[in-house]
Amino acid sequence: MNEQILFDARDRVKAQQMAMARNISKLTTKTAQKRQAHLLCESLKQSIRARA
């Protein structure tokens, strides 16, 4: 049961990361794009650390 909860959480995180990636191109200012890209990178790093 715990494995299923972990997979569901990972899927939600992946979906949020994909949404963040798609959102970057829609932002109008370079500052906002850089900020969003930074948040996405931090999220990806957390995901990688969680798996290790």
Protein backbone atom coordinates (compact mmCIF):
# COMPACT_ATOMS: atom_id res chain seq x y z
CA MET A 1 0.00 0.00 0.00
CA ASN A 2 2.81 2.44 0.81
CA GLU A 3 4.36 1.75 -2.59
CA GLN A 4 1.13 2.79 -4.29
CA ILE A 5 1.03 6.04 -2.31
CA LEU A 6 4.65 6.78 -3.26
CA PHE A 7 3.96 6.14 -6.93
CA ASP A 8 0.91 8.40 -6.83
CA ALA A 9 2.95 11.15 -5.19
CA ARG A 10 5.71 10.78 -7.78
CA ASP A 11 3.19 10.96 -10.60
CA ARG A 12 1.70 14.14 -9.16
CA VAL A 13 5.15 15.70 -8.82
CA LYS A 14 6.01 14.72 -12.40
CA ALA A 15 2.77 16.25 -13.64
CA GLN A 16 3.50 19.48 -11.77
CA GLN A 17 7.04 19.56 -13.18
CA MET A 18 5.74 19.11 -16.72
CA ALA A 19 3.22 21.90 -16.18
CA MET A 20 6.01 24.14 -14.91
CA ALA A 21 8.09 23.35 -17.99
CA ARG A 22 5.21 24.17 -20.34
CA ASN A 23 4.48 27.36 -18.41
CA ILE A 24 7.99 28.78 -18.92
CA SER A 25 7.41 29.58 -22.60
CA LYS A 26 4.10 31.29 -21.82
CA LEU A 27 5.64 33.78 -19.38
CA THR A 28 6.23 37.20 -20.87
CA THR A 29 9.31 38.53 -19.07
CA LYS A 30 12.78 37.01 -18.99
CA THR A 31 12.89 37.47 -15.22
CA ALA A 32 9.72 35.44 -14.75
CA GLN A 33 11.01 32.75 -17.12
CA LYS A 34 14.31 32.48 -15.25
CA ARG A 35 12.52 32.30 -11.90
CA GLN A 36 10.22 29.54 -13.15
CA ALA A 37 13.16 27.63 -14.65
CA HIS A 38 15.01 27.90 -11.35
CA LEU A 39 12.00 26.51 -9.44
CA LEU A 40 11.73 23.66 -11.94
CA CYS A 41 15.43 22.82 -11.53
CA GLU A 42 15.10 22.81 -7.75
CA SER A 43 12.09 20.52 -7.99
CA LEU A 44 13.97 18.15 -10.30
CA LYS A 45 16.94 18.07 -7.93
CA GLN A 46 14.64 17.18 -5.03
CA SER A 47 13.12 14.36 -7.07
CA ILE A 48 16.55 12.97 -7.90
CA ARG A 49 17.67 13.17 -4.27
CA ALA A 50 14.51 11.40 -3.12
CA ARG A 51 15.22 8.44 -5.38
CA ALA A 52 18.82 8.00 -4.23
